[in-house]
Amino acid sequence: MWRPLMIGMASLIALVPIQVSAQASGEVTMYGNAHFRHQGPTMEGPTRLQTPFVMKSVKIPEGSVWEFCSGKTFTGCREIGKTVEAMVMTVRSARPVASVLPSTATAGGGANPGATGVGQSLRGMAAEFFVAPDQSGNRVQVQPGTSEAMSRAADEFCRQHGWNSSAHARLQSIDGRFYLADVLCVKA
């Protein structure tokens, strides 16, 4: 009995962010003027701003990609993957974007790509984790393959399974198509 519980907990622990130095964590800094003048908010993870911020330049660590959104709930987003010295955008929410999982992330193929684990989940009292979410035995396809579309599809998938929303989701690219992967559904 303890072995399945420990394996399940190990899967969920992998979702918990670990705090490290600012550069390694993907911390971004927004500025109120071009050329990195008038420092504004600095963020390490998903953030909803109390008041909108007009971002005119932004520093993003190499290798990081972030969504900067005009909506308070991560809507109207623009992905930015490098430092930008001059721009104008009103930001109400921002979050780091996980890279798209390659098709080799899970075994499988044929008519149901990446089918290993399809239909399987790890259910707890307050959350349920789906490795390869499916509907009627087919992977949940996301079109277009953007973070915003992924979030909407994951939330809808979770609601269909009796949960309020998704707390985490990833995209997996297989043969030029994008599918939901690693979805964590929660009550709150």
C-alpha atoms as a PDB file:
ATOM      1  CA  MET A   1       0.000   0.000   0.000  1.00  0.00           C
ATOM      2  CA  TRP A   2       2.787   2.468   0.811  1.00  0.00           C
ATOM      3  CA  ARG A   3       4.697   1.815  -2.417  1.00  0.00           C
ATOM      4  CA  PRO A   4       1.946   3.154  -4.788  1.00  0.00           C
ATOM      5  CA  LEU A   5       1.443   6.125  -2.459  1.00  0.00           C
ATOM      6  CA  MET A   6       5.171   6.929  -2.474  1.00  0.00           C
ATOM      7  CA  ILE A   7       5.370   6.653  -6.274  1.00  0.00           C
ATOM      8  CA  GLY A   8       2.331   8.936  -6.611  1.00  0.00           C
ATOM      9  CA  MET A   9       3.800  11.491  -4.217  1.00  0.00           C
ATOM     10  CA  ALA A  10       7.100  11.444  -6.132  1.00  0.00           C
ATOM     11  CA  SER A  11       5.177  12.358  -9.287  1.00  0.00           C
ATOM     12  CA  LEU A  12       3.495  15.302  -7.575  1.00  0.00           C
ATOM     13  CA  ILE A  13       6.702  16.490  -5.867  1.00  0.00           C
ATOM     14  CA  ALA A  14       8.205  16.981  -9.312  1.00  0.00           C
ATOM     15  CA  LEU A  15       5.586  19.725  -9.840  1.00  0.00           C
ATOM     16  CA  VAL A  16       6.688  21.772  -6.807  1.00  0.00           C
ATOM     17  CA  PRO A  17       8.951  24.697  -7.793  1.00  0.00           C
ATOM     18  CA  ILE A  18      12.322  24.913  -6.066  1.00  0.00           C
ATOM     19  CA  GLN A  19      13.721  28.314  -5.099  1.00  0.00           C
ATOM     20  CA  VAL A  20      17.240  29.011  -6.325  1.00  0.00           C
ATOM     21  CA  SER A  21      19.193  32.125  -7.252  1.00  0.00           C
ATOM     22  CA  ALA A  22      17.363  34.837  -9.222  1.00  0.00           C
ATOM     23  CA  GLN A  23      19.118  34.114 -12.523  1.00  0.00           C
ATOM     24  CA  ALA A  24      18.647  30.350 -12.323  1.00  0.00           C
ATOM     25  CA  SER A  25      14.992  30.645 -11.293  1.00  0.00           C
ATOM     26  CA  GLY A  26      13.974  32.549 -14.406  1.00  0.00           C
ATOM     27  CA  GLU A  27      13.254  35.802 -12.569  1.00  0.00           C
ATOM     28  CA  VAL A  28      12.149  38.609 -14.893  1.00  0.00           C
ATOM     29  CA  THR A  29      12.177  42.361 -14.337  1.00  0.00           C
ATOM     30  CA  MET A  30       9.850  44.790 -16.083  1.00  0.00           C
ATOM     31  CA  TYR A  31      10.750  48.446 -16.590  1.00  0.00           C
ATOM     32  CA  GLY A  32       8.579  51.528 -16.975  1.00  0.00           C
ATOM     33  CA  ASN A  33      10.875  53.071 -19.614  1.00  0.00           C
ATOM     34  CA  ALA A  34      12.890  51.779 -22.544  1.00  0.00           C
ATOM     35  CA  HIS A  35      16.537  50.777 -22.097  1.00  0.00           C
ATOM     36  CA  PHE A  36      15.859  49.275 -18.647  1.00  0.00           C
ATOM     37  CA  ARG A  37      15.111  52.528 -16.815  1.00  0.00           C
ATOM     38  CA  HIS A  38      12.604  52.921 -13.973  1.00  0.00           C
ATOM     39  CA  GLN A  39      12.516  49.385 -12.617  1.00  0.00           C
ATOM     40  CA  GLY A  40       9.050  47.945 -12.119  1.00  0.00           C
ATOM     41  CA  PRO A  41       7.876  44.591 -10.763  1.00  0.00           C
ATOM     42  CA  THR A  42      10.220  41.598 -10.563  1.00  0.00           C
ATOM     43  CA  MET A  43       8.605  38.163 -10.816  1.00  0.00           C
ATOM     44  CA  GLU A  44       9.734  34.572 -10.298  1.00  0.00           C
ATOM     45  CA  GLY A  45       6.522  32.718 -11.079  1.00  0.00           C
ATOM     46  CA  PRO A  46       2.920  33.266 -12.121  1.00  0.00           C
ATOM     47  CA  THR A  47       1.922  36.754 -10.992  1.00  0.00           C
ATOM     48  CA  ARG A  48      -1.286  38.792 -11.104  1.00  0.00           C
ATOM     49  CA  LEU A  49      -0.599  42.487 -10.641  1.00  0.00           C
ATOM     50  CA  GLN A  50      -2.869  44.558  -8.397  1.00  0.00           C
ATOM     51  CA  THR A  51      -2.559  47.520 -10.768  1.00  0.00           C
ATOM     52  CA  PRO A  52      -1.741  47.308 -14.494  1.00  0.00           C
ATOM     53  CA  PHE A  53       1.885  48.059 -15.382  1.00  0.00           C
ATOM     54  CA  VAL A  54       2.922  49.671 -18.677  1.00  0.00           C
ATOM     55  CA  MET A  55       6.026  47.681 -19.594  1.00  0.00           C
ATOM     56  CA  LYS A  56       8.441  49.472 -21.924  1.00  0.00           C
ATOM     57  CA  SER A  57      11.393  47.085 -21.565  1.00  0.00           C
ATOM     58  CA  VAL A  58      11.959  43.717 -19.891  1.00  0.00           C
ATOM     59  CA  LYS A  59      14.930  41.571 -18.829  1.00  0.00           C
ATOM     60  CA  ILE A  60      14.407  37.836 -19.267  1.00  0.00           C
ATOM     61  CA  PRO A  61      17.147  35.290 -18.420  1.00  0.00           C
ATOM     62  CA  GLU A  62      18.536  33.356 -21.366  1.00  0.00           C
ATOM     63  CA  GLY A  63      16.575  30.180 -22.051  1.00  0.00           C
ATOM     64  CA  SER A  64      13.400  31.437 -20.330  1.00  0.00           C
ATOM     65  CA  VAL A  65      10.097  32.155 -22.063  1.00  0.00           C
ATOM     66  CA  TRP A  66       7.366  34.182 -20.360  1.00  0.00           C
ATOM     67  CA  GLU A  67       3.791  35.135 -21.156  1.00  0.00           C
ATOM     68  CA  PHE A  68       2.896  38.762 -20.487  1.00  0.00           C
ATOM     69  CA  CYS A  69      -0.866  39.218 -20.461  1.00  0.00           C
ATOM     70  CA  SER A  70      -3.218  42.187 -20.714  1.00  0.00           C
ATOM     71  CA  GLY A  71      -5.897  40.275 -18.768  1.00  0.00           C
ATOM     72  CA  LYS A  72      -5.782  39.646 -15.009  1.00  0.00           C
ATOM     73  CA  THR A  73      -6.388  35.912 -15.521  1.00  0.00           C
ATOM     74  CA  PHE A  74      -3.634  35.183 -18.065  1.00  0.00           C
ATOM     75  CA  THR A  75      -5.642  36.144 -21.145  1.00  0.00           C
ATOM     76  CA  GLY A  76      -4.566  38.319 -24.065  1.00  0.00           C
ATOM     77  CA  CYS A  77      -1.021  37.023 -23.701  1.00  0.00           C
ATOM     78  CA  ARG A  78       2.151  37.589 -25.679  1.00  0.00           C
ATOM     79  CA  GLU A  79       5.076  35.165 -25.365  1.00  0.00           C
ATOM     80  CA  ILE A  80       8.493  36.760 -24.988  1.00  0.00           C
ATOM     81  CA  GLY A  81      11.634  34.630 -24.911  1.00  0.00           C
ATOM     82  CA  LYS A  82      14.418  37.214 -24.775  1.00  0.00           C
ATOM     83  CA  THR A  83      15.317  40.543 -23.207  1.00  0.00           C
ATOM     84  CA  VAL A  84      13.577  43.425 -24.992  1.00  0.00           C
ATOM     85  CA  GLU A  85      15.104  46.905 -24.780  1.00  0.00           C
ATOM     86  CA  ALA A  86      12.154  48.917 -26.170  1.00  0.00           C
ATOM     87  CA  MET A  87       8.452  48.049 -26.391  1.00  0.00           C
ATOM     88  CA  VAL A  88       5.066  49.100 -25.012  1.00  0.00           C
ATOM     89  CA  MET A  89       2.605  46.703 -23.393  1.00  0.00           C
ATOM     90  CA  THR A  90       0.153  46.934 -20.511  1.00  0.00           C
ATOM     91  CA  VAL A  91       0.663  43.925 -18.235  1.00  0.00           C
ATOM     92  CA  ARG A  92      -1.901  42.701 -15.715  1.00  0.00           C
ATOM     93  CA  SER A  93      -0.574  39.141 -15.306  1.00  0.00           C
ATOM     94  CA  ALA A  94       2.558  37.220 -16.282  1.00  0.00           C
ATOM     95  CA  ARG A  95       3.860  33.666 -15.984  1.00  0.00           C
ATOM     96  CA  PRO A  96       6.756  31.510 -17.165  1.00  0.00           C
ATOM     97  CA  VAL A  97       5.990  29.196 -20.068  1.00  0.00           C
ATOM     98  CA  ALA A  98       7.080  25.578 -19.871  1.00  0.00           C
ATOM     99  CA  SER A  99       8.743  24.284 -22.995  1.00  0.00           C
ATOM    100  CA  VAL A 100       6.702  21.983 -25.230  1.00  0.00           C
ATOM    101  CA  LEU A 101       7.371  18.312 -24.511  1.00  0.00           C
ATOM    102  CA  PRO A 102       8.778  16.394 -27.493  1.00  0.00           C
ATOM    103  CA  SER A 103       6.986  13.384 -28.923  1.00  0.00           C
ATOM    104  CA  THR A 104       9.625  11.140 -27.345  1.00  0.00           C
ATOM    105  CA  ALA A 105       8.508  12.196 -23.836  1.00  0.00           C
ATOM    106  CA  THR A 106       6.185   9.153 -23.709  1.00  0.00           C
ATOM    107  CA  ALA A 107       6.176   5.923 -25.601  1.00  0.00           C
ATOM    108  CA  GLY A 108       3.378   5.092 -27.977  1.00  0.00           C
ATOM    109  CA  GLY A 109       2.233   5.914 -31.464  1.00  0.00           C
ATOM    110  CA  GLY A 110      -0.119   4.685 -34.109  1.00  0.00           C
ATOM    111  CA  ALA A 111      -3.656   6.057 -34.154  1.00  0.00           C
ATOM    112  CA  ASN A 112      -3.294   7.374 -30.603  1.00  0.00           C
ATOM    113  CA  PRO A 113       0.112   9.139 -30.333  1.00  0.00           C
ATOM    114  CA  GLY A 114       1.852   8.997 -26.979  1.00  0.00           C
ATOM    115  CA  ALA A 115      -0.869   6.681 -25.705  1.00  0.00           C
ATOM    116  CA  THR A 116       1.049   5.296 -22.739  1.00  0.00           C
ATOM    117  CA  GLY A 117      -0.853   6.302 -19.635  1.00  0.00           C
ATOM    118  CA  VAL A 118      -3.918   7.502 -21.534  1.00  0.00           C
ATOM    119  CA  GLY A 119      -6.941   7.380 -19.258  1.00  0.00           C
ATOM    120  CA  GLN A 120      -4.823   6.827 -16.160  1.00  0.00           C
ATOM    121  CA  SER A 121      -4.656   9.274 -13.305  1.00  0.00           C
ATOM    122  CA  LEU A 122      -3.459   9.693  -9.759  1.00  0.00           C
ATOM    123  CA  ARG A 123      -6.380  10.929  -7.660  1.00  0.00           C
ATOM    124  CA  GLY A 124      -6.133  12.466  -4.231  1.00  0.00           C
ATOM    125  CA  MET A 125      -8.701  14.161  -2.020  1.00  0.00           C
ATOM    126  CA  ALA A 126      -8.110  17.661  -3.431  1.00  0.00           C
ATOM    127  CA  ALA A 127      -6.464  17.043  -6.802  1.00  0.00           C
ATOM    128  CA  GLU A 128      -6.070  14.587  -9.683  1.00  0.00           C
ATOM    129  CA  PHE A 129      -3.046  14.267 -11.989  1.00  0.00           C
ATOM    130  CA  PHE A 130      -3.459  13.100 -15.608  1.00  0.00           C
ATOM    131  CA  VAL A 131      -0.265  12.189 -17.495  1.00  0.00           C
ATOM    132  CA  ALA A 132      -1.928  11.983 -20.931  1.00  0.00           C
ATOM    133  CA  PRO A 133      -5.482  13.378 -20.704  1.00  0.00           C
ATOM    134  CA  ASP A 134      -7.981  11.763 -23.056  1.00  0.00           C
ATOM    135  CA  GLN A 135     -11.586  12.081 -24.180  1.00  0.00           C
ATOM    136  CA  SER A 136     -13.245   8.866 -25.337  1.00  0.00           C
ATOM    137  CA  GLY A 137      -9.858   7.153 -25.615  1.00  0.00           C
ATOM    138  CA  ASN A 138      -8.206   9.895 -27.719  1.00  0.00           C
ATOM    139  CA  ARG A 139      -5.604  12.391 -26.532  1.00  0.00           C
ATOM    140  CA  VAL A 140      -6.888  15.943 -25.984  1.00  0.00           C
ATOM    141  CA  GLN A 141      -5.611  17.985 -28.925  1.00  0.00           C
ATOM    142  CA  VAL A 142      -4.885  21.715 -28.444  1.00  0.00           C
ATOM    143  CA  GLN A 143      -5.315  24.092 -31.380  1.00  0.00           C
ATOM    144  CA  PRO A 144      -3.542  26.413 -31.768  1.00  0.00           C
ATOM    145  CA  GLY A 145      -0.557  25.062 -29.823  1.00  0.00           C
ATOM    146  CA  THR A 146      -0.233  28.120 -27.576  1.00  0.00           C
ATOM    147  CA  SER A 147      -0.031  28.437 -23.807  1.00  0.00           C
ATOM    148  CA  GLU A 148      -3.319  30.327 -23.686  1.00  0.00           C
ATOM    149  CA  ALA A 149      -5.128  27.598 -25.675  1.00  0.00           C
ATOM    150  CA  MET A 150      -3.477  24.969 -23.462  1.00  0.00           C
ATOM    151  CA  SER A 151      -4.742  26.676 -20.291  1.00  0.00           C
ATOM    152  CA  ARG A 152      -8.298  26.892 -21.647  1.00  0.00           C
ATOM    153  CA  ALA A 153      -8.256  23.230 -22.781  1.00  0.00           C
ATOM    154  CA  ALA A 154      -6.824  22.057 -19.428  1.00  0.00           C
ATOM    155  CA  ASP A 155      -9.421  24.017 -17.436  1.00  0.00           C
ATOM    156  CA  GLU A 156     -12.232  22.612 -19.603  1.00  0.00           C
ATOM    157  CA  PHE A 157     -10.828  19.058 -19.269  1.00  0.00           C
ATOM    158  CA  CYS A 158     -10.711  19.421 -15.481  1.00  0.00           C
ATOM    159  CA  ARG A 159     -14.270  20.793 -15.292  1.00  0.00           C
ATOM    160  CA  GLN A 160     -15.478  17.798 -17.352  1.00  0.00           C
ATOM    161  CA  HIS A 161     -13.906  15.528 -14.729  1.00  0.00           C
ATOM    162  CA  GLY A 162     -15.563  17.242 -11.748  1.00  0.00           C
ATOM    163  CA  TRP A 163     -12.771  19.652 -10.783  1.00  0.00           C
ATOM    164  CA  ASN A 164     -12.856  23.464 -10.725  1.00  0.00           C
ATOM    165  CA  SER A 165      -9.724  24.196 -12.761  1.00  0.00           C
ATOM    166  CA  SER A 166      -6.223  23.094 -13.689  1.00  0.00           C
ATOM    167  CA  ALA A 167      -3.240  24.157 -11.594  1.00  0.00           C
ATOM    168  CA  HIS A 168      -0.635  22.837 -14.059  1.00  0.00           C
ATOM    169  CA  ALA A 169      -0.543  21.661 -17.656  1.00  0.00           C
ATOM    170  CA  ARG A 170       1.979  21.105 -20.443  1.00  0.00           C
ATOM    171  CA  LEU A 171       1.830  20.746 -24.211  1.00  0.00           C
ATOM    172  CA  GLN A 172       3.282  17.762 -26.016  1.00  0.00           C
ATOM    173  CA  SER A 173       4.140  18.021 -29.707  1.00  0.00           C
ATOM    174  CA  ILE A 174       3.663  14.851 -31.772  1.00  0.00           C
ATOM    175  CA  ASP A 175       3.901  14.891 -35.567  1.00  0.00           C
ATOM    176  CA  GLY A 176       3.151  18.616 -35.738  1.00  0.00           C
ATOM    177  CA  ARG A 177       0.102  18.395 -33.460  1.00  0.00           C
ATOM    178  CA  PHE A 178      -0.166  19.580 -29.872  1.00  0.00           C
ATOM    179  CA  TYR A 179      -1.733  17.555 -27.038  1.00  0.00           C
ATOM    180  CA  LEU A 180      -2.389  18.178 -23.347  1.00  0.00           C
ATOM    181  CA  ALA A 181       0.049  16.467 -20.997  1.00  0.00           C
ATOM    182  CA  ASP A 182       0.728  16.437 -17.240  1.00  0.00           C
ATOM    183  CA  VAL A 183      -2.531  18.105 -16.212  1.00  0.00           C
ATOM    184  CA  LEU A 184      -3.160  18.661 -12.504  1.00  0.00           C
ATOM    185  CA  CYS A 185      -6.837  19.285 -11.735  1.00  0.00           C
ATOM    186  CA  VAL A 186      -7.804  20.948  -8.462  1.00  0.00           C
ATOM    187  CA  LYS A 187     -10.915  21.962  -6.497  1.00  0.00           C
ATOM    188  CA  ALA A 188      -9.820  25.534  -5.699  1.00  0.00           C
END
